[in-house]
Amino acid sequence: MFLIKMSLAPVAFAISAFSVAAIISGINLKGSSKDKTTAKTLGVIVTLAGLAILISSLLLIITAPYGTVYPAANVELMFSLLMLIFSFVWITFGVTLLYNWDMKFIGDMTMVLFVFNLIAIIALFFWNSGYAVYSLADFVIVEITLISYLFDEVGFFALTHGKMKAGLQSGFLIASGVLSILLAVTASGIIPL
């Protein structure tokens, strides 16, 4: 169990970057500032978070800290792919904010991320049931956080396609950002449960 917790350093790194981007994005949506530089500043923050998530994805798959046997290799690949798609969404979102491009494509990308995220939730449930990948407390935190990301993803789609108010997506982002902080400090082993 200790080795699995220590090997989550790239995941903790990515989730920490995500939490900053999610919380700041949520706060910005809630405030809806009319200042033209606000979107550009947020774009830089979100792009940097996306790059951090991309680096984490690569580190997780290159270093294979869980090991190379089942289910460790599968968990690494799942989280690496999930982080890779998260990075594409956040980098593209950041660049779109910087250049004031069409946000609908970000919403469309989040629905692809939704599918991968849903697969990860289900796969992790089965891996943890059979192999005790995480302690029960860590497993619950991971699953709840991954579920919160589903709300973010659907929210991005709905918001960018005019089907939802910004305030609701703001709440989704802030909640998943806070849950991500909890995940980063518990499942990674910083605060053992």
N, C-alpha and C. Protein backbone atom coordinates (compact mmCIF):
# COMPACT_ATOMS: atom_id res chain seq x y z
N MET A 1 0.83 -1.20 0.00
CA MET A 1 0.00 0.00 0.00
C MET A 1 0.88 1.25 0.00
N PHE A 2 1.97 1.26 0.78
CA PHE A 2 2.83 2.44 0.86
C PHE A 2 3.43 2.78 -0.50
N LEU A 3 3.87 1.75 -1.24
CA LEU A 3 4.47 2.00 -2.54
C LEU A 3 3.46 2.60 -3.51
N ILE A 4 2.22 2.14 -3.44
CA ILE A 4 1.19 2.70 -4.32
C ILE A 4 0.96 4.16 -3.98
N LYS A 5 0.92 4.49 -2.69
CA LYS A 5 0.70 5.89 -2.30
C LYS A 5 1.86 6.76 -2.78
N MET A 6 3.08 6.31 -2.59
CA MET A 6 4.23 7.10 -3.01
C MET A 6 4.29 7.26 -4.52
N SER A 7 3.83 6.26 -5.24
CA SER A 7 3.89 6.32 -6.69
C SER A 7 2.87 7.27 -7.28
N LEU A 8 1.98 7.78 -6.47
CA LEU A 8 0.98 8.70 -6.98
C LEU A 8 1.48 10.14 -7.09
N ALA A 9 2.76 10.37 -6.91
CA ALA A 9 3.29 11.73 -6.99
C ALA A 9 2.89 12.43 -8.29
N PRO A 10 3.04 11.80 -9.47
CA PRO A 10 2.60 12.50 -10.68
C PRO A 10 1.10 12.81 -10.67
N VAL A 11 0.29 11.91 -10.12
CA VAL A 11 -1.15 12.14 -10.06
C VAL A 11 -1.45 13.30 -9.11
N ALA A 12 -0.77 13.32 -7.95
CA ALA A 12 -0.96 14.42 -7.00
C ALA A 12 -0.56 15.75 -7.63
N PHE A 13 0.52 15.75 -8.38
CA PHE A 13 1.01 16.94 -9.08
C PHE A 13 -0.05 17.44 -10.06
N ALA A 14 -0.60 16.52 -10.86
CA ALA A 14 -1.62 16.88 -11.85
C ALA A 14 -2.89 17.38 -11.19
N ILE A 15 -3.31 16.67 -10.14
CA ILE A 15 -4.55 17.04 -9.47
C ILE A 15 -4.41 18.39 -8.77
N SER A 16 -3.24 18.67 -8.25
CA SER A 16 -3.00 19.98 -7.63
C SER A 16 -3.11 21.09 -8.67
N ALA A 17 -2.52 20.87 -9.83
CA ALA A 17 -2.62 21.86 -10.92
C ALA A 17 -4.08 22.03 -11.35
N PHE A 18 -4.79 20.90 -11.48
CA PHE A 18 -6.20 20.97 -11.83
C PHE A 18 -6.99 21.77 -10.81
N SER A 19 -6.71 21.54 -9.51
CA SER A 19 -7.48 22.21 -8.46
C SER A 19 -7.34 23.73 -8.56
N VAL A 20 -6.13 24.19 -8.84
CA VAL A 20 -5.91 25.64 -9.00
C VAL A 20 -6.73 26.16 -10.19
N ALA A 21 -6.62 25.48 -11.33
CA ALA A 21 -7.34 25.92 -12.52
C ALA A 21 -8.85 25.87 -12.31
N ALA A 22 -9.34 24.81 -11.68
CA ALA A 22 -10.79 24.67 -11.47
C ALA A 22 -11.32 25.74 -10.53
N ILE A 23 -10.65 25.95 -9.42
CA ILE A 23 -11.13 26.94 -8.44
C ILE A 23 -11.08 28.35 -9.01
N ILE A 24 -9.97 28.70 -9.65
CA ILE A 24 -9.84 30.04 -10.23
C ILE A 24 -10.86 30.23 -11.36
N SER A 25 -11.07 29.21 -12.18
CA SER A 25 -12.07 29.29 -13.25
C SER A 25 -13.47 29.45 -12.66
N GLY A 26 -13.75 28.68 -11.61
CA GLY A 26 -15.06 28.78 -10.96
C GLY A 26 -15.31 30.15 -10.37
N ILE A 27 -14.30 30.69 -9.72
CA ILE A 27 -14.43 32.04 -9.14
C ILE A 27 -14.64 33.06 -10.25
N ASN A 28 -13.91 32.92 -11.35
CA ASN A 28 -14.04 33.86 -12.47
C ASN A 28 -15.44 33.76 -13.09
N LEU A 29 -15.95 32.55 -13.24
CA LEU A 29 -17.31 32.40 -13.79
C LEU A 29 -18.34 33.04 -12.88
N LYS A 30 -18.14 32.88 -11.57
CA LYS A 30 -19.08 33.44 -10.61
C LYS A 30 -19.08 34.97 -10.66
N GLY A 31 -17.88 35.55 -10.83
CA GLY A 31 -17.75 37.00 -10.87
C GLY A 31 -18.10 37.59 -12.22
N SER A 32 -17.82 36.83 -13.30
CA SER A 32 -18.07 37.28 -14.67
C SER A 32 -17.59 38.70 -14.91
N SER A 33 -16.31 38.93 -14.67
CA SER A 33 -15.71 40.24 -14.86
C SER A 33 -15.80 40.67 -16.32
N LYS A 34 -16.03 41.95 -16.53
CA LYS A 34 -16.11 42.50 -17.88
C LYS A 34 -14.75 42.99 -18.37
N ASP A 35 -13.75 42.96 -17.51
CA ASP A 35 -12.41 43.40 -17.88
C ASP A 35 -11.84 42.44 -18.93
N LYS A 36 -11.34 43.00 -20.05
CA LYS A 36 -10.83 42.18 -21.14
C LYS A 36 -9.58 41.39 -20.77
N THR A 37 -8.85 41.87 -19.79
CA THR A 37 -7.62 41.15 -19.42
C THR A 37 -7.88 39.97 -18.50
N THR A 38 -9.06 39.91 -17.89
CA THR A 38 -9.38 38.81 -16.98
C THR A 38 -9.32 37.46 -17.70
N ALA A 39 -9.93 37.37 -18.87
CA ALA A 39 -9.92 36.12 -19.63
C ALA A 39 -8.51 35.74 -20.03
N LYS A 40 -7.70 36.72 -20.38
CA LYS A 40 -6.31 36.41 -20.77
C LYS A 40 -5.50 35.91 -19.58
N THR A 41 -5.69 36.53 -18.43
CA THR A 41 -4.96 36.07 -17.23
C THR A 41 -5.40 34.66 -16.87
N LEU A 42 -6.71 34.41 -16.89
CA LEU A 42 -7.21 33.08 -16.61
C LEU A 42 -6.69 32.09 -17.65
N GLY A 43 -6.61 32.53 -18.89
CA GLY A 43 -6.08 31.68 -19.96
C GLY A 43 -4.66 31.21 -19.67
N VAL A 44 -3.83 32.11 -19.16
CA VAL A 44 -2.46 31.74 -18.81
C VAL A 44 -2.45 30.72 -17.67
N ILE A 45 -3.24 30.99 -16.63
CA ILE A 45 -3.31 30.08 -15.47
C ILE A 45 -3.76 28.69 -15.91
N VAL A 46 -4.81 28.64 -16.70
CA VAL A 46 -5.38 27.36 -17.14
C VAL A 46 -4.41 26.62 -18.07
N THR A 47 -3.74 27.36 -18.95
CA THR A 47 -2.77 26.73 -19.84
C THR A 47 -1.61 26.13 -19.05
N LEU A 48 -1.12 26.86 -18.06
CA LEU A 48 -0.04 26.32 -17.22
C LEU A 48 -0.48 25.07 -16.46
N ALA A 49 -1.72 25.08 -15.98
CA ALA A 49 -2.25 23.89 -15.31
C ALA A 49 -2.32 22.72 -16.30
N GLY A 50 -2.78 22.99 -17.50
CA GLY A 50 -2.84 21.95 -18.52
C GLY A 50 -1.47 21.37 -18.85
N LEU A 51 -0.46 22.23 -18.92
CA LEU A 51 0.91 21.76 -19.17
C LEU A 51 1.41 20.90 -18.01
N ALA A 52 1.10 21.31 -16.78
CA ALA A 52 1.50 20.51 -15.61
C ALA A 52 0.83 19.14 -15.64
N ILE A 53 -0.42 19.11 -16.05
CA ILE A 53 -1.15 17.83 -16.14
C ILE A 53 -0.54 16.97 -17.25
N LEU A 54 -0.16 17.58 -18.36
CA LEU A 54 0.47 16.85 -19.45
C LEU A 54 1.79 16.22 -19.00
N ILE A 55 2.61 17.00 -18.33
CA ILE A 55 3.90 16.49 -17.82
C ILE A 55 3.65 15.33 -16.84
N SER A 56 2.66 15.47 -15.99
CA SER A 56 2.32 14.42 -15.04
C SER A 56 1.89 13.14 -15.74
N SER A 57 1.11 13.29 -16.79
CA SER A 57 0.67 12.13 -17.56
C SER A 57 1.86 11.38 -18.13
N LEU A 58 2.79 12.13 -18.69
CA LEU A 58 3.99 11.51 -19.26
C LEU A 58 4.85 10.85 -18.19
N LEU A 59 5.01 11.53 -17.05
CA LEU A 59 5.80 10.95 -15.96
C LEU A 59 5.20 9.65 -15.45
N LEU A 60 3.89 9.63 -15.33
CA LEU A 60 3.23 8.43 -14.81
C LEU A 60 3.45 7.24 -15.73
N ILE A 61 3.36 7.46 -17.02
CA ILE A 61 3.48 6.34 -17.95
C ILE A 61 4.94 5.97 -18.21
N ILE A 62 5.84 6.95 -18.20
CA ILE A 62 7.26 6.67 -18.45
C ILE A 62 7.91 5.98 -17.26
N THR A 63 7.63 6.45 -16.08
CA THR A 63 8.30 5.90 -14.90
C THR A 63 7.64 4.64 -14.38
N ALA A 64 6.40 4.37 -14.75
CA ALA A 64 5.65 3.18 -14.32
C ALA A 64 5.86 2.89 -12.83
N PRO A 65 5.51 3.86 -11.96
CA PRO A 65 5.80 3.68 -10.53
C PRO A 65 5.00 2.58 -9.85
N TYR A 66 3.84 2.22 -10.40
CA TYR A 66 3.05 1.14 -9.81
C TYR A 66 3.67 -0.22 -10.09
N GLY A 67 4.37 -0.30 -11.21
CA GLY A 67 4.92 -1.58 -11.65
C GLY A 67 4.40 -1.91 -13.03
N THR A 68 4.73 -3.08 -13.50
CA THR A 68 4.38 -3.45 -14.87
C THR A 68 3.46 -4.67 -14.94
N VAL A 69 2.90 -5.08 -13.81
CA VAL A 69 2.00 -6.22 -13.82
C VAL A 69 0.57 -5.77 -13.53
N TYR A 70 -0.38 -6.64 -13.82
CA TYR A 70 -1.79 -6.34 -13.59
C TYR A 70 -2.08 -6.32 -12.09
N PRO A 71 -2.88 -5.40 -11.56
CA PRO A 71 -3.58 -4.30 -12.21
C PRO A 71 -2.78 -3.00 -12.22
N ALA A 72 -1.55 -3.03 -11.68
CA ALA A 72 -0.76 -1.79 -11.57
C ALA A 72 -0.58 -1.10 -12.91
N ALA A 73 -0.17 -1.84 -13.91
CA ALA A 73 0.06 -1.24 -15.23
C ALA A 73 -1.23 -0.66 -15.79
N ASN A 74 -2.35 -1.33 -15.54
CA ASN A 74 -3.64 -0.85 -16.04
C ASN A 74 -4.06 0.44 -15.34
N VAL A 75 -3.83 0.52 -14.04
CA VAL A 75 -4.17 1.74 -13.29
C VAL A 75 -3.31 2.90 -13.78
N GLU A 76 -2.02 2.65 -13.99
CA GLU A 76 -1.12 3.70 -14.51
C GLU A 76 -1.59 4.20 -15.87
N LEU A 77 -1.89 3.26 -16.74
CA LEU A 77 -2.32 3.63 -18.08
C LEU A 77 -3.64 4.41 -18.03
N MET A 78 -4.57 3.95 -17.19
CA MET A 78 -5.85 4.63 -17.07
C MET A 78 -5.67 6.08 -16.60
N PHE A 79 -4.90 6.26 -15.51
CA PHE A 79 -4.70 7.62 -15.01
C PHE A 79 -3.89 8.47 -15.99
N SER A 80 -2.93 7.86 -16.66
CA SER A 80 -2.13 8.62 -17.63
C SER A 80 -3.00 9.10 -18.79
N LEU A 81 -3.86 8.22 -19.31
CA LEU A 81 -4.75 8.62 -20.40
C LEU A 81 -5.74 9.68 -19.95
N LEU A 82 -6.29 9.48 -18.76
CA LEU A 82 -7.24 10.46 -18.22
C LEU A 82 -6.58 11.83 -18.07
N MET A 83 -5.36 11.84 -17.53
CA MET A 83 -4.64 13.11 -17.37
C MET A 83 -4.27 13.72 -18.71
N LEU A 84 -3.94 12.88 -19.70
CA LEU A 84 -3.60 13.38 -21.02
C LEU A 84 -4.79 14.14 -21.62
N ILE A 85 -5.98 13.55 -21.53
CA ILE A 85 -7.16 14.22 -22.09
C ILE A 85 -7.52 15.46 -21.27
N PHE A 86 -7.38 15.37 -19.94
CA PHE A 86 -7.58 16.56 -19.10
C PHE A 86 -6.64 17.68 -19.56
N SER A 87 -5.38 17.33 -19.84
CA SER A 87 -4.42 18.36 -20.25
C SER A 87 -4.84 18.99 -21.57
N PHE A 88 -5.32 18.19 -22.52
CA PHE A 88 -5.79 18.75 -23.79
C PHE A 88 -6.92 19.74 -23.56
N VAL A 89 -7.87 19.37 -22.69
CA VAL A 89 -9.00 20.25 -22.41
C VAL A 89 -8.51 21.57 -21.79
N TRP A 90 -7.66 21.47 -20.77
CA TRP A 90 -7.23 22.69 -20.06
C TRP A 90 -6.30 23.56 -20.91
N ILE A 91 -5.41 22.95 -21.68
CA ILE A 91 -4.54 23.75 -22.55
C ILE A 91 -5.38 24.44 -23.61
N THR A 92 -6.28 23.70 -24.24
CA THR A 92 -7.14 24.29 -25.27
C THR A 92 -8.05 25.37 -24.69
N PHE A 93 -8.58 25.12 -23.50
CA PHE A 93 -9.42 26.11 -22.83
C PHE A 93 -8.60 27.38 -22.57
N GLY A 94 -7.38 27.21 -22.09
CA GLY A 94 -6.53 28.37 -21.81
C GLY A 94 -6.22 29.18 -23.06
N VAL A 95 -5.85 28.49 -24.14
CA VAL A 95 -5.53 29.18 -25.39
C VAL A 95 -6.78 29.85 -25.96
N THR A 96 -7.91 29.20 -25.82
CA THR A 96 -9.18 29.77 -26.30
C THR A 96 -9.51 31.06 -25.54
N LEU A 97 -9.25 31.06 -24.24
CA LEU A 97 -9.45 32.28 -23.45
C LEU A 97 -8.49 33.38 -23.89
N LEU A 98 -7.24 33.01 -24.14
CA LEU A 98 -6.24 34.01 -24.54
C LEU A 98 -6.59 34.69 -25.86
N TYR A 99 -7.14 33.92 -26.80
CA TYR A 99 -7.40 34.46 -28.13
C TYR A 99 -8.88 34.70 -28.43
N ASN A 100 -9.73 34.51 -27.41
CA ASN A 100 -11.16 34.75 -27.56
C ASN A 100 -11.77 33.93 -28.70
N TRP A 101 -11.43 32.64 -28.73
CA TRP A 101 -11.95 31.74 -29.75
C TRP A 101 -13.27 31.12 -29.29
N ASP A 102 -13.87 30.31 -30.16
CA ASP A 102 -15.15 29.67 -29.91
C ASP A 102 -15.01 28.59 -28.83
N MET A 103 -15.77 28.71 -27.76
CA MET A 103 -15.70 27.79 -26.62
C MET A 103 -16.47 26.48 -26.85
N LYS A 104 -17.29 26.41 -27.88
CA LYS A 104 -18.09 25.19 -28.08
C LYS A 104 -17.22 23.95 -28.24
N PHE A 105 -16.06 24.13 -28.85
CA PHE A 105 -15.16 22.99 -29.04
C PHE A 105 -14.63 22.45 -27.70
N ILE A 106 -14.47 23.35 -26.74
CA ILE A 106 -14.05 22.92 -25.40
C ILE A 106 -15.15 22.04 -24.81
N GLY A 107 -16.38 22.47 -24.93
CA GLY A 107 -17.50 21.67 -24.45
C GLY A 107 -17.56 20.31 -25.13
N ASP A 108 -17.31 20.29 -26.43
CA ASP A 108 -17.32 19.02 -27.15
C ASP A 108 -16.20 18.11 -26.65
N MET A 109 -15.03 18.68 -26.42
CA MET A 109 -13.89 17.88 -25.91
C MET A 109 -14.21 17.31 -24.53
N THR A 110 -14.92 18.07 -23.72
CA THR A 110 -15.20 17.57 -22.37
C THR A 110 -16.14 16.37 -22.40
N MET A 111 -16.93 16.23 -23.44
CA MET A 111 -17.78 15.05 -23.52
C MET A 111 -16.96 13.80 -23.85
N VAL A 112 -15.88 13.96 -24.60
CA VAL A 112 -14.95 12.84 -24.82
C VAL A 112 -14.28 12.50 -23.49
N LEU A 113 -13.86 13.54 -22.77
CA LEU A 113 -13.25 13.33 -21.46
C LEU A 113 -14.25 12.65 -20.52
N PHE A 114 -15.51 13.01 -20.61
CA PHE A 114 -16.56 12.40 -19.80
C PHE A 114 -16.56 10.87 -19.98
N VAL A 115 -16.47 10.42 -21.23
CA VAL A 115 -16.49 8.98 -21.52
C VAL A 115 -15.29 8.30 -20.85
N PHE A 116 -14.09 8.87 -21.03
CA PHE A 116 -12.90 8.30 -20.41
C PHE A 116 -13.00 8.31 -18.88
N ASN A 117 -13.52 9.39 -18.35
CA ASN A 117 -13.66 9.52 -16.90
C ASN A 117 -14.64 8.48 -16.35
N LEU A 118 -15.73 8.27 -17.04
CA LEU A 118 -16.72 7.27 -16.62
C LEU A 118 -16.11 5.87 -16.65
N ILE A 119 -15.37 5.56 -17.70
CA ILE A 119 -14.68 4.27 -17.79
C ILE A 119 -13.71 4.12 -16.62
N ALA A 120 -12.98 5.19 -16.28
CA ALA A 120 -12.02 5.14 -15.17
C ALA A 120 -12.73 4.86 -13.85
N ILE A 121 -13.86 5.48 -13.62
CA ILE A 121 -14.62 5.27 -12.38
C ILE A 121 -15.03 3.80 -12.25
N ILE A 122 -15.54 3.26 -13.33
CA ILE A 122 -16.00 1.86 -13.31
C ILE A 122 -14.82 0.90 -13.18
N ALA A 123 -13.77 1.13 -13.96
CA ALA A 123 -12.60 0.25 -13.92
C ALA A 123 -11.95 0.27 -12.54
N LEU A 124 -11.82 1.45 -11.97
CA LEU A 124 -11.20 1.56 -10.65
C LEU A 124 -12.02 0.83 -9.59
N PHE A 125 -13.32 0.86 -9.72
CA PHE A 125 -14.18 0.13 -8.79
C PHE A 125 -13.86 -1.37 -8.83
N PHE A 126 -13.76 -1.91 -10.04
CA PHE A 126 -13.48 -3.35 -10.16
C PHE A 126 -12.05 -3.70 -9.74
N TRP A 127 -11.08 -2.85 -10.11
CA TRP A 127 -9.70 -3.12 -9.70
C TRP A 127 -9.57 -3.07 -8.19
N ASN A 128 -10.21 -2.08 -7.58
CA ASN A 128 -10.10 -1.96 -6.13
C ASN A 128 -10.84 -3.09 -5.41
N SER A 129 -11.93 -3.55 -5.99
CA SER A 129 -12.68 -4.66 -5.39
C SER A 129 -11.87 -5.94 -5.37
N GLY A 130 -11.13 -6.19 -6.44
CA GLY A 130 -10.39 -7.43 -6.54
C GLY A 130 -8.97 -7.39 -6.01
N TYR A 131 -8.34 -6.21 -6.02
CA TYR A 131 -6.93 -6.13 -5.71
C TYR A 131 -6.57 -5.12 -4.62
N ALA A 132 -7.54 -4.46 -4.04
CA ALA A 132 -7.31 -3.46 -2.99
C ALA A 132 -6.21 -2.47 -3.39
N VAL A 133 -6.43 -1.82 -4.54
CA VAL A 133 -5.49 -0.82 -5.03
C VAL A 133 -5.36 0.32 -4.03
N TYR A 134 -6.45 0.71 -3.40
CA TYR A 134 -6.48 1.78 -2.41
C TYR A 134 -7.11 1.28 -1.12
N SER A 135 -6.81 1.99 -0.03
CA SER A 135 -7.57 1.74 1.20
C SER A 135 -9.00 2.20 0.94
N LEU A 136 -9.94 1.79 1.77
CA LEU A 136 -11.34 2.16 1.56
C LEU A 136 -11.52 3.69 1.56
N ALA A 137 -10.89 4.36 2.52
CA ALA A 137 -11.03 5.83 2.60
C ALA A 137 -10.47 6.50 1.35
N ASP A 138 -9.28 6.08 0.92
CA ASP A 138 -8.68 6.66 -0.30
C ASP A 138 -9.55 6.36 -1.52
N PHE A 139 -10.06 5.14 -1.60
CA PHE A 139 -10.89 4.74 -2.72
C PHE A 139 -12.14 5.62 -2.81
N VAL A 140 -12.80 5.86 -1.69
CA VAL A 140 -14.00 6.69 -1.67
C VAL A 140 -13.67 8.11 -2.13
N ILE A 141 -12.56 8.65 -1.65
CA ILE A 141 -12.17 10.01 -2.04
C ILE A 141 -11.87 10.07 -3.54
N VAL A 142 -11.16 9.08 -4.07
CA VAL A 142 -10.84 9.05 -5.50
C VAL A 142 -12.13 8.98 -6.31
N GLU A 143 -13.02 8.07 -5.94
CA GLU A 143 -14.24 7.91 -6.72
C GLU A 143 -15.15 9.15 -6.66
N ILE A 144 -15.30 9.74 -5.49
CA ILE A 144 -16.14 10.94 -5.36
C ILE A 144 -15.54 12.08 -6.19
N THR A 145 -14.23 12.21 -6.15
CA THR A 145 -13.59 13.27 -6.93
C THR A 145 -13.76 13.03 -8.43
N LEU A 146 -13.56 11.79 -8.87
CA LEU A 146 -13.76 11.49 -10.28
C LEU A 146 -15.21 11.74 -10.69
N ILE A 147 -16.15 11.44 -9.83
CA ILE A 147 -17.57 11.73 -10.12
C ILE A 147 -17.79 13.24 -10.22
N SER A 148 -17.13 14.01 -9.36
CA SER A 148 -17.28 15.47 -9.45
C SER A 148 -16.78 16.00 -10.79
N TYR A 149 -15.78 15.33 -11.36
CA TYR A 149 -15.28 15.74 -12.67
C TYR A 149 -16.34 15.53 -13.75
N LEU A 150 -17.18 14.51 -13.58
CA LEU A 150 -18.26 14.29 -14.54
C LEU A 150 -19.19 15.50 -14.60
N PHE A 151 -19.47 16.09 -13.43
CA PHE A 151 -20.30 17.29 -13.39
C PHE A 151 -19.61 18.45 -14.10
N ASP A 152 -18.29 18.59 -13.90
CA ASP A 152 -17.54 19.64 -14.61
C ASP A 152 -17.66 19.46 -16.11
N GLU A 153 -17.49 18.23 -16.55
CA GLU A 153 -17.47 17.95 -17.98
C GLU A 153 -18.82 18.22 -18.63
N VAL A 154 -19.88 17.73 -18.02
CA VAL A 154 -21.23 18.00 -18.54
C VAL A 154 -21.51 19.50 -18.45
N GLY A 155 -21.06 20.13 -17.37
CA GLY A 155 -21.25 21.56 -17.20
C GLY A 155 -20.56 22.38 -18.27
N PHE A 156 -19.31 22.01 -18.61
CA PHE A 156 -18.61 22.71 -19.68
C PHE A 156 -19.38 22.59 -20.99
N PHE A 157 -19.85 21.38 -21.28
CA PHE A 157 -20.61 21.19 -22.51
C PHE A 157 -21.87 22.06 -22.50
N ALA A 158 -22.64 21.96 -21.42
CA ALA A 158 -23.89 22.71 -21.33
C ALA A 158 -23.66 24.22 -21.38
N LEU A 159 -22.64 24.68 -20.68
CA LEU A 159 -22.35 26.12 -20.64
C LEU A 159 -21.92 26.63 -22.01
N THR A 160 -21.03 25.91 -22.67
CA THR A 160 -20.52 26.38 -23.96
C THR A 160 -21.54 26.25 -25.09
N HIS A 161 -22.59 25.48 -24.84
CA HIS A 161 -23.65 25.34 -25.84
C HIS A 161 -24.93 26.07 -25.43
N GLY A 162 -24.81 26.96 -24.43
CA GLY A 162 -25.92 27.80 -24.03
C GLY A 162 -27.06 27.09 -23.32
N LYS A 163 -26.79 25.95 -22.69
CA LYS A 163 -27.85 25.18 -22.05
C LYS A 163 -27.80 25.26 -20.52
N MET A 164 -26.92 26.09 -19.98
CA MET A 164 -26.77 26.20 -18.53
C MET A 164 -26.21 27.57 -18.18
N LYS A 165 -26.54 28.03 -16.99
CA LYS A 165 -26.03 29.31 -16.49
C LYS A 165 -24.62 29.13 -15.94
N ALA A 166 -23.83 30.18 -16.01
CA ALA A 166 -22.44 30.14 -15.56
C ALA A 166 -22.32 29.86 -14.07
N GLY A 167 -23.28 30.32 -13.27
CA GLY A 167 -23.22 30.13 -11.82
C GLY A 167 -23.19 28.67 -11.41
N LEU A 168 -23.94 27.83 -12.11
CA LEU A 168 -23.95 26.40 -11.78
C LEU A 168 -22.61 25.75 -12.10
N GLN A 169 -22.06 26.06 -13.27
CA GLN A 169 -20.74 25.53 -13.62
C GLN A 169 -19.68 26.05 -12.66
N SER A 170 -19.81 27.27 -12.23
CA SER A 170 -18.90 27.84 -11.24
C SER A 170 -18.88 26.97 -9.98
N GLY A 171 -20.06 26.60 -9.51
CA GLY A 171 -20.16 25.74 -8.33
C GLY A 171 -19.54 24.37 -8.56
N PHE A 172 -19.78 23.79 -9.74
CA PHE A 172 -19.19 22.48 -10.06
C PHE A 172 -17.66 22.56 -10.02
N LEU A 173 -17.11 23.60 -10.64
CA LEU A 173 -15.65 23.74 -10.71
C LEU A 173 -15.03 23.95 -9.34
N ILE A 174 -15.63 24.80 -8.54
CA ILE A 174 -15.09 25.06 -7.20
C ILE A 174 -15.17 23.79 -6.35
N ALA A 175 -16.29 23.08 -6.43
CA ALA A 175 -16.44 21.85 -5.64
C ALA A 175 -15.41 20.80 -6.07
N SER A 176 -15.24 20.60 -7.37
CA SER A 176 -14.27 19.59 -7.81
C SER A 176 -12.85 20.04 -7.51
N GLY A 177 -12.60 21.34 -7.53
CA GLY A 177 -11.27 21.84 -7.15
C GLY A 177 -10.95 21.56 -5.69
N VAL A 178 -11.93 21.77 -4.83
CA VAL A 178 -11.74 21.50 -3.39
C VAL A 178 -11.57 20.00 -3.17
N LEU A 179 -12.41 19.18 -3.81
CA LEU A 179 -12.26 17.73 -3.69
C LEU A 179 -10.91 17.27 -4.22
N SER A 180 -10.41 17.93 -5.25
CA SER A 180 -9.11 17.58 -5.82
C SER A 180 -7.98 17.86 -4.83
N ILE A 181 -8.10 18.93 -4.06
CA ILE A 181 -7.10 19.19 -3.03
C ILE A 181 -7.11 18.06 -2.01
N LEU A 182 -8.30 17.65 -1.60
CA LEU A 182 -8.42 16.53 -0.66
C LEU A 182 -7.79 15.27 -1.25
N LEU A 183 -8.08 15.00 -2.51
CA LEU A 183 -7.51 13.83 -3.17
C LEU A 183 -5.99 13.91 -3.25
N ALA A 184 -5.49 15.07 -3.62
CA ALA A 184 -4.04 15.24 -3.78
C ALA A 184 -3.29 14.99 -2.47
N VAL A 185 -3.88 15.37 -1.35
CA VAL A 185 -3.15 15.23 -0.08
C VAL A 185 -3.44 13.92 0.65
N THR A 186 -4.48 13.18 0.23
CA THR A 186 -4.76 11.92 0.93
C THR A 186 -4.30 10.71 0.11
N ALA A 187 -4.85 10.53 -1.05
CA ALA A 187 -4.53 9.33 -1.86
C ALA A 187 -3.06 9.30 -2.27
N SER A 188 -2.42 10.46 -2.30
CA SER A 188 -0.99 10.50 -2.65
C SER A 188 -0.12 10.10 -1.47
N GLY A 189 -0.66 10.09 -0.27
CA GLY A 189 0.10 9.69 0.90
C GLY A 189 0.63 10.83 1.74
N ILE A 190 0.35 12.10 1.34
CA ILE A 190 0.81 13.24 2.14
C ILE A 190 0.16 13.19 3.51
N ILE A 191 -1.14 12.96 3.55
CA ILE A 191 -1.87 12.75 4.80
C ILE A 191 -2.46 11.34 4.72
N PRO A 192 -1.82 10.36 5.30
CA PRO A 192 -2.30 8.98 5.18
C PRO A 192 -3.62 8.75 5.92
N LEU A 193 -4.51 8.02 5.29
CA LEU A 193 -5.79 7.66 5.89
C LEU A 193 -5.78 6.20 6.28
